[in-house]
Amino acid sequence: MGVGHDSIRRFMSRERQSVSDSIAGTVIDSLEFARGAGVLDRSVGLDELPRLADLLGATAGRLSVRLEGWRDEQGKSWLQLAIAGDPVLCCQRCLGGVKFPLAIKSRLQLVAPGEDWPDDDLVDDSADAIAADKALVVLSLIEDEVLLALPIAPRHEQCESPQANADVHGSSPFAALAALNKH
């Protein structure tokens, strides 16, 4: 084995040992990670996911993340990403916080440069194909998968609209502006 493989093994064993550390700043060579059967078990703070922040009612909280790599019998490289947590989204009806339980399991086939993209993706949606990357930013991959799993318009099962609350607490400031516009 060359020096490259030894350093990857040290990297992966160090990753396995630091289970409680944040995943921020973790970059992997996705094909080497899969070939080496790499495993990352980490926790991610919601405040570490900037593209997700606008959709959240609160950035407090954490997500549990497990990333595993492997190669199948046909020699294809794979990543499996499991994400679990309870982020609080902004309800689109009442604008309050609504807890949204996440339980994501994504299987991702790594497509190396020059390889053909799988055609069966249109039929089988149990896995997705992504481009293999020598510098895959794990936090970005996690954020992409979370964003894809969130509802377009999160809301409570039962809640009152802001208009109903305005009737109880007095007129809406927008109603006052509308009245001024009419004069």
C-alpha atoms as a PDB file:
ATOM      1  CA  MET A   1       0.000   0.000   0.000  1.00  0.00           C
ATOM      2  CA  GLY A   2       1.211   3.464  -0.812  1.00  0.00           C
ATOM      3  CA  VAL A   3       1.455   6.436   1.475  1.00  0.00           C
ATOM      4  CA  GLY A   4      -1.874   7.745   0.149  1.00  0.00           C
ATOM      5  CA  HIS A   5      -3.764   4.698   1.406  1.00  0.00           C
ATOM      6  CA  ASP A   6      -2.068   4.841   4.808  1.00  0.00           C
ATOM      7  CA  SER A   7      -2.957   8.500   5.273  1.00  0.00           C
ATOM      8  CA  ILE A   8      -6.565   7.774   4.277  1.00  0.00           C
ATOM      9  CA  ARG A   9      -6.728   4.923   6.787  1.00  0.00           C
ATOM     10  CA  ARG A  10      -5.364   7.238   9.504  1.00  0.00           C
ATOM     11  CA  PHE A  11      -7.897   9.887   8.459  1.00  0.00           C
ATOM     12  CA  MET A  12     -10.776   7.409   8.626  1.00  0.00           C
ATOM     13  CA  SER A  13      -9.711   5.884  11.951  1.00  0.00           C
ATOM     14  CA  ARG A  14      -9.359   9.390  13.384  1.00  0.00           C
ATOM     15  CA  GLU A  15     -12.862  10.145  12.061  1.00  0.00           C
ATOM     16  CA  ARG A  16     -14.281   7.036  13.741  1.00  0.00           C
ATOM     17  CA  GLN A  17     -12.720   7.982  17.072  1.00  0.00           C
ATOM     18  CA  SER A  18     -14.012  11.545  17.205  1.00  0.00           C
ATOM     19  CA  VAL A  19     -17.706  10.646  17.276  1.00  0.00           C
ATOM     20  CA  SER A  20     -18.808  13.676  19.296  1.00  0.00           C
ATOM     21  CA  ASP A  21     -16.966  16.305  17.238  1.00  0.00           C
ATOM     22  CA  SER A  22     -18.720  18.575  14.792  1.00  0.00           C
ATOM     23  CA  ILE A  23     -18.579  17.691  11.113  1.00  0.00           C
ATOM     24  CA  ALA A  24     -17.876  21.301  10.067  1.00  0.00           C
ATOM     25  CA  GLY A  25     -14.800  21.509   7.875  1.00  0.00           C
ATOM     26  CA  THR A  26     -14.770  17.773   7.065  1.00  0.00           C
ATOM     27  CA  VAL A  27     -13.769  17.168   3.469  1.00  0.00           C
ATOM     28  CA  ILE A  28     -13.420  13.676   1.998  1.00  0.00           C
ATOM     29  CA  ASP A  29     -12.260  12.123  -1.240  1.00  0.00           C
ATOM     30  CA  SER A  30     -15.587  10.415  -1.896  1.00  0.00           C
ATOM     31  CA  LEU A  31     -14.223   7.500  -3.967  1.00  0.00           C
ATOM     32  CA  GLU A  32     -11.443   6.743  -1.465  1.00  0.00           C
ATOM     33  CA  PHE A  33     -13.941   7.018   1.383  1.00  0.00           C
ATOM     34  CA  ALA A  34     -16.183   4.445  -0.339  1.00  0.00           C
ATOM     35  CA  ARG A  35     -13.285   2.130  -1.280  1.00  0.00           C
ATOM     36  CA  GLY A  36     -12.027   2.207   2.308  1.00  0.00           C
ATOM     37  CA  ALA A  37     -15.508   1.556   3.758  1.00  0.00           C
ATOM     38  CA  GLY A  38     -15.273   4.834   5.640  1.00  0.00           C
ATOM     39  CA  VAL A  39     -17.710   5.743   8.388  1.00  0.00           C
ATOM     40  CA  LEU A  40     -18.462   9.131   9.962  1.00  0.00           C
ATOM     41  CA  ASP A  41     -20.770   9.348  12.976  1.00  0.00           C
ATOM     42  CA  ARG A  42     -21.257  12.948  13.963  1.00  0.00           C
ATOM     43  CA  SER A  43     -23.558  15.611  15.265  1.00  0.00           C
ATOM     44  CA  VAL A  44     -24.291  18.777  13.289  1.00  0.00           C
ATOM     45  CA  GLY A  45     -25.593  21.989  14.818  1.00  0.00           C
ATOM     46  CA  LEU A  46     -28.479  23.554  12.917  1.00  0.00           C
ATOM     47  CA  ASP A  47     -26.591  26.844  13.182  1.00  0.00           C
ATOM     48  CA  GLU A  48     -23.853  25.271  10.988  1.00  0.00           C
ATOM     49  CA  LEU A  49     -26.247  25.026   8.010  1.00  0.00           C
ATOM     50  CA  PRO A  50     -26.546  28.584   6.636  1.00  0.00           C
ATOM     51  CA  ARG A  51     -28.790  27.769   3.645  1.00  0.00           C
ATOM     52  CA  LEU A  52     -31.244  26.091   6.013  1.00  0.00           C
ATOM     53  CA  ALA A  53     -31.347  29.015   8.487  1.00  0.00           C
ATOM     54  CA  ASP A  54     -34.022  30.986   6.579  1.00  0.00           C
ATOM     55  CA  LEU A  55     -36.456  28.070   6.860  1.00  0.00           C
ATOM     56  CA  LEU A  56     -35.945  27.504  10.565  1.00  0.00           C
ATOM     57  CA  GLY A  57     -37.986  28.961  13.391  1.00  0.00           C
ATOM     58  CA  ALA A  58     -34.955  28.411  15.665  1.00  0.00           C
ATOM     59  CA  THR A  59     -31.348  27.460  14.950  1.00  0.00           C
ATOM     60  CA  ALA A  60     -30.909  25.746  18.297  1.00  0.00           C
ATOM     61  CA  GLY A  61     -30.649  21.993  18.077  1.00  0.00           C
ATOM     62  CA  ARG A  62     -28.585  19.327  16.441  1.00  0.00           C
ATOM     63  CA  LEU A  63     -28.876  16.632  13.804  1.00  0.00           C
ATOM     64  CA  SER A  64     -27.358  13.165  14.148  1.00  0.00           C
ATOM     65  CA  VAL A  65     -25.466  12.202  11.018  1.00  0.00           C
ATOM     66  CA  ARG A  66     -23.952   8.935   9.831  1.00  0.00           C
ATOM     67  CA  LEU A  67     -22.108   8.698   6.520  1.00  0.00           C
ATOM     68  CA  GLU A  68     -20.938   5.290   5.278  1.00  0.00           C
ATOM     69  CA  GLY A  69     -19.065   4.331   2.148  1.00  0.00           C
ATOM     70  CA  TRP A  70     -18.776   0.976   0.384  1.00  0.00           C
ATOM     71  CA  ARG A  71     -18.262  -0.749  -2.944  1.00  0.00           C
ATOM     72  CA  ASP A  72     -20.731  -3.288  -4.299  1.00  0.00           C
ATOM     73  CA  GLU A  73     -20.089  -6.547  -6.195  1.00  0.00           C
ATOM     74  CA  GLN A  74     -20.110  -4.712  -9.535  1.00  0.00           C
ATOM     75  CA  GLY A  75     -17.376  -2.342  -8.319  1.00  0.00           C
ATOM     76  CA  LYS A  76     -19.682   0.663  -7.971  1.00  0.00           C
ATOM     77  CA  SER A  77     -18.888   3.095  -5.168  1.00  0.00           C
ATOM     78  CA  TRP A  78     -21.657   4.195  -2.807  1.00  0.00           C
ATOM     79  CA  LEU A  79     -22.339   6.549   0.061  1.00  0.00           C
ATOM     80  CA  GLN A  80     -25.210   6.156   2.475  1.00  0.00           C
ATOM     81  CA  LEU A  81     -26.210   9.182   4.500  1.00  0.00           C
ATOM     82  CA  ALA A  82     -28.529   8.917   7.495  1.00  0.00           C
ATOM     83  CA  ILE A  83     -29.737  12.123   9.165  1.00  0.00           C
ATOM     84  CA  ALA A  84     -32.059  12.343  12.162  1.00  0.00           C
ATOM     85  CA  GLY A  85     -33.280  15.251  14.250  1.00  0.00           C
ATOM     86  CA  ASP A  86     -36.156  17.569  15.049  1.00  0.00           C
ATOM     87  CA  PRO A  87     -35.548  21.001  13.528  1.00  0.00           C
ATOM     88  CA  VAL A  88     -38.127  23.684  14.246  1.00  0.00           C
ATOM     89  CA  LEU A  89     -39.444  25.193  11.013  1.00  0.00           C
ATOM     90  CA  CYS A  90     -41.506  28.348  10.584  1.00  0.00           C
ATOM     91  CA  CYS A  91     -45.221  27.533  10.187  1.00  0.00           C
ATOM     92  CA  GLN A  92     -46.511  29.162   7.008  1.00  0.00           C
ATOM     93  CA  ARG A  93     -49.958  29.649   8.512  1.00  0.00           C
ATOM     94  CA  CYS A  94     -49.361  31.138  11.986  1.00  0.00           C
ATOM     95  CA  LEU A  95     -45.622  31.950  11.639  1.00  0.00           C
ATOM     96  CA  GLY A  96     -44.888  30.063  14.861  1.00  0.00           C
ATOM     97  CA  GLY A  97     -42.412  27.222  15.292  1.00  0.00           C
ATOM     98  CA  VAL A  98     -43.384  23.735  14.150  1.00  0.00           C
ATOM     99  CA  LYS A  99     -41.222  20.719  14.993  1.00  0.00           C
ATOM    100  CA  PHE A 100     -40.435  18.638  11.910  1.00  0.00           C
ATOM    101  CA  PRO A 101     -39.024  15.175  12.646  1.00  0.00           C
ATOM    102  CA  LEU A 102     -36.324  14.196  10.164  1.00  0.00           C
ATOM    103  CA  ALA A 103     -35.368  10.598   9.410  1.00  0.00           C
ATOM    104  CA  ILE A 104     -33.443  10.740   6.137  1.00  0.00           C
ATOM    105  CA  LYS A 105     -31.700   7.747   4.552  1.00  0.00           C
ATOM    106  CA  SER A 106     -30.069   8.537   1.229  1.00  0.00           C
ATOM    107  CA  ARG A 107     -28.167   6.066  -0.929  1.00  0.00           C
ATOM    108  CA  LEU A 108     -25.864   7.841  -3.341  1.00  0.00           C
ATOM    109  CA  GLN A 109     -24.022   6.161  -6.185  1.00  0.00           C
ATOM    110  CA  LEU A 110     -20.731   7.886  -6.896  1.00  0.00           C
ATOM    111  CA  VAL A 111     -20.083   8.470 -10.594  1.00  0.00           C
ATOM    112  CA  ALA A 112     -16.399   8.940 -11.341  1.00  0.00           C
ATOM    113  CA  PRO A 113     -15.271  11.287 -14.118  1.00  0.00           C
ATOM    114  CA  GLY A 114     -15.657   9.524 -17.458  1.00  0.00           C
ATOM    115  CA  GLU A 115     -18.135   6.939 -16.154  1.00  0.00           C
ATOM    116  CA  ASP A 116     -21.617   6.693 -17.639  1.00  0.00           C
ATOM    117  CA  TRP A 117     -24.441   8.031 -15.492  1.00  0.00           C
ATOM    118  CA  PRO A 118     -26.915   5.303 -14.577  1.00  0.00           C
ATOM    119  CA  ASP A 119     -30.057   5.316 -16.723  1.00  0.00           C
ATOM    120  CA  ASP A 120     -32.147   3.427 -14.177  1.00  0.00           C
ATOM    121  CA  ASP A 121     -32.400   6.539 -11.952  1.00  0.00           C
ATOM    122  CA  LEU A 122     -35.642   7.371 -13.734  1.00  0.00           C
ATOM    123  CA  VAL A 123     -37.194   4.035 -12.711  1.00  0.00           C
ATOM    124  CA  ASP A 124     -35.620   3.329  -9.305  1.00  0.00           C
ATOM    125  CA  ASP A 125     -35.791   6.210  -6.858  1.00  0.00           C
ATOM    126  CA  SER A 126     -34.251   4.287  -3.941  1.00  0.00           C
ATOM    127  CA  ALA A 127     -30.862   5.749  -4.872  1.00  0.00           C
ATOM    128  CA  ASP A 128     -29.500   8.866  -6.525  1.00  0.00           C
ATOM    129  CA  ALA A 129     -26.314   9.356  -8.487  1.00  0.00           C
ATOM    130  CA  ILE A 130     -23.872  12.133  -7.675  1.00  0.00           C
ATOM    131  CA  ALA A 131     -20.530  13.083  -9.161  1.00  0.00           C
ATOM    132  CA  ALA A 132     -17.568  11.650  -7.274  1.00  0.00           C
ATOM    133  CA  ASP A 133     -15.545  14.445  -5.730  1.00  0.00           C
ATOM    134  CA  LYS A 134     -11.958  14.435  -4.485  1.00  0.00           C
ATOM    135  CA  ALA A 135     -12.912  17.235  -2.082  1.00  0.00           C
ATOM    136  CA  LEU A 136     -16.507  16.531  -1.034  1.00  0.00           C
ATOM    137  CA  VAL A 137     -17.587  18.963   1.678  1.00  0.00           C
ATOM    138  CA  VAL A 138     -19.639  16.718   3.944  1.00  0.00           C
ATOM    139  CA  LEU A 139     -21.547  19.594   5.549  1.00  0.00           C
ATOM    140  CA  SER A 140     -22.805  20.752   2.118  1.00  0.00           C
ATOM    141  CA  LEU A 141     -23.942  17.223   1.283  1.00  0.00           C
ATOM    142  CA  ILE A 142     -25.848  17.059   4.573  1.00  0.00           C
ATOM    143  CA  GLU A 143     -27.452  20.451   4.004  1.00  0.00           C
ATOM    144  CA  ASP A 144     -28.507  19.479   0.462  1.00  0.00           C
ATOM    145  CA  GLU A 145     -30.207  16.307   1.699  1.00  0.00           C
ATOM    146  CA  VAL A 146     -32.006  18.141   4.527  1.00  0.00           C
ATOM    147  CA  LEU A 147     -33.248  20.861   2.167  1.00  0.00           C
ATOM    148  CA  LEU A 148     -34.592  18.217  -0.212  1.00  0.00           C
ATOM    149  CA  ALA A 149     -36.464  16.487   2.622  1.00  0.00           C
ATOM    150  CA  LEU A 150     -38.235  19.556   4.008  1.00  0.00           C
ATOM    151  CA  PRO A 151     -41.829  20.396   3.067  1.00  0.00           C
ATOM    152  CA  ILE A 152     -42.412  23.346   0.755  1.00  0.00           C
ATOM    153  CA  ALA A 153     -44.876  24.984   3.163  1.00  0.00           C
ATOM    154  CA  PRO A 154     -44.509  23.607   6.701  1.00  0.00           C
ATOM    155  CA  ARG A 155     -47.451  24.158   9.027  1.00  0.00           C
ATOM    156  CA  HIS A 156     -49.103  22.874  12.169  1.00  0.00           C
ATOM    157  CA  GLU A 157     -51.992  20.419  11.948  1.00  0.00           C
ATOM    158  CA  GLN A 158     -54.123  22.938  13.848  1.00  0.00           C
ATOM    159  CA  CYS A 159     -53.275  26.616  14.313  1.00  0.00           C
ATOM    160  CA  GLU A 160     -54.755  30.032  13.801  1.00  0.00           C
ATOM    161  CA  SER A 161     -53.731  32.370  11.036  1.00  0.00           C
ATOM    162  CA  PRO A 162     -52.137  35.710  11.929  1.00  0.00           C
ATOM    163  CA  GLN A 163     -55.420  37.388  10.871  1.00  0.00           C
ATOM    164  CA  ALA A 164     -57.339  35.492  13.579  1.00  0.00           C
ATOM    165  CA  ASN A 165     -54.746  36.593  16.117  1.00  0.00           C
ATOM    166  CA  ALA A 166     -55.005  40.207  14.892  1.00  0.00           C
ATOM    167  CA  ASP A 167     -58.774  40.172  15.537  1.00  0.00           C
ATOM    168  CA  VAL A 168     -58.084  39.166  19.130  1.00  0.00           C
ATOM    169  CA  HIS A 169     -55.177  41.574  19.637  1.00  0.00           C
ATOM    170  CA  GLY A 170     -56.491  44.533  17.681  1.00  0.00           C
ATOM    171  CA  SER A 171     -56.236  45.624  14.083  1.00  0.00           C
ATOM    172  CA  SER A 172     -53.317  44.587  11.908  1.00  0.00           C
ATOM    173  CA  PRO A 173     -50.735  47.298  11.111  1.00  0.00           C
ATOM    174  CA  PHE A 174     -51.301  46.487   7.431  1.00  0.00           C
ATOM    175  CA  ALA A 175     -55.012  47.287   7.797  1.00  0.00           C
ATOM    176  CA  ALA A 176     -54.037  50.694   9.159  1.00  0.00           C
ATOM    177  CA  LEU A 177     -51.758  51.265   6.151  1.00  0.00           C
ATOM    178  CA  ALA A 178     -54.540  50.234   3.767  1.00  0.00           C
ATOM    179  CA  ALA A 179     -56.857  52.751   5.436  1.00  0.00           C
ATOM    180  CA  LEU A 180     -54.263  55.501   4.972  1.00  0.00           C
ATOM    181  CA  ASN A 181     -53.866  54.610   1.286  1.00  0.00           C
ATOM    182  CA  LYS A 182     -57.603  55.091   0.675  1.00  0.00           C
ATOM    183  CA  HIS A 183     -57.462  58.759   1.749  1.00  0.00           C
END
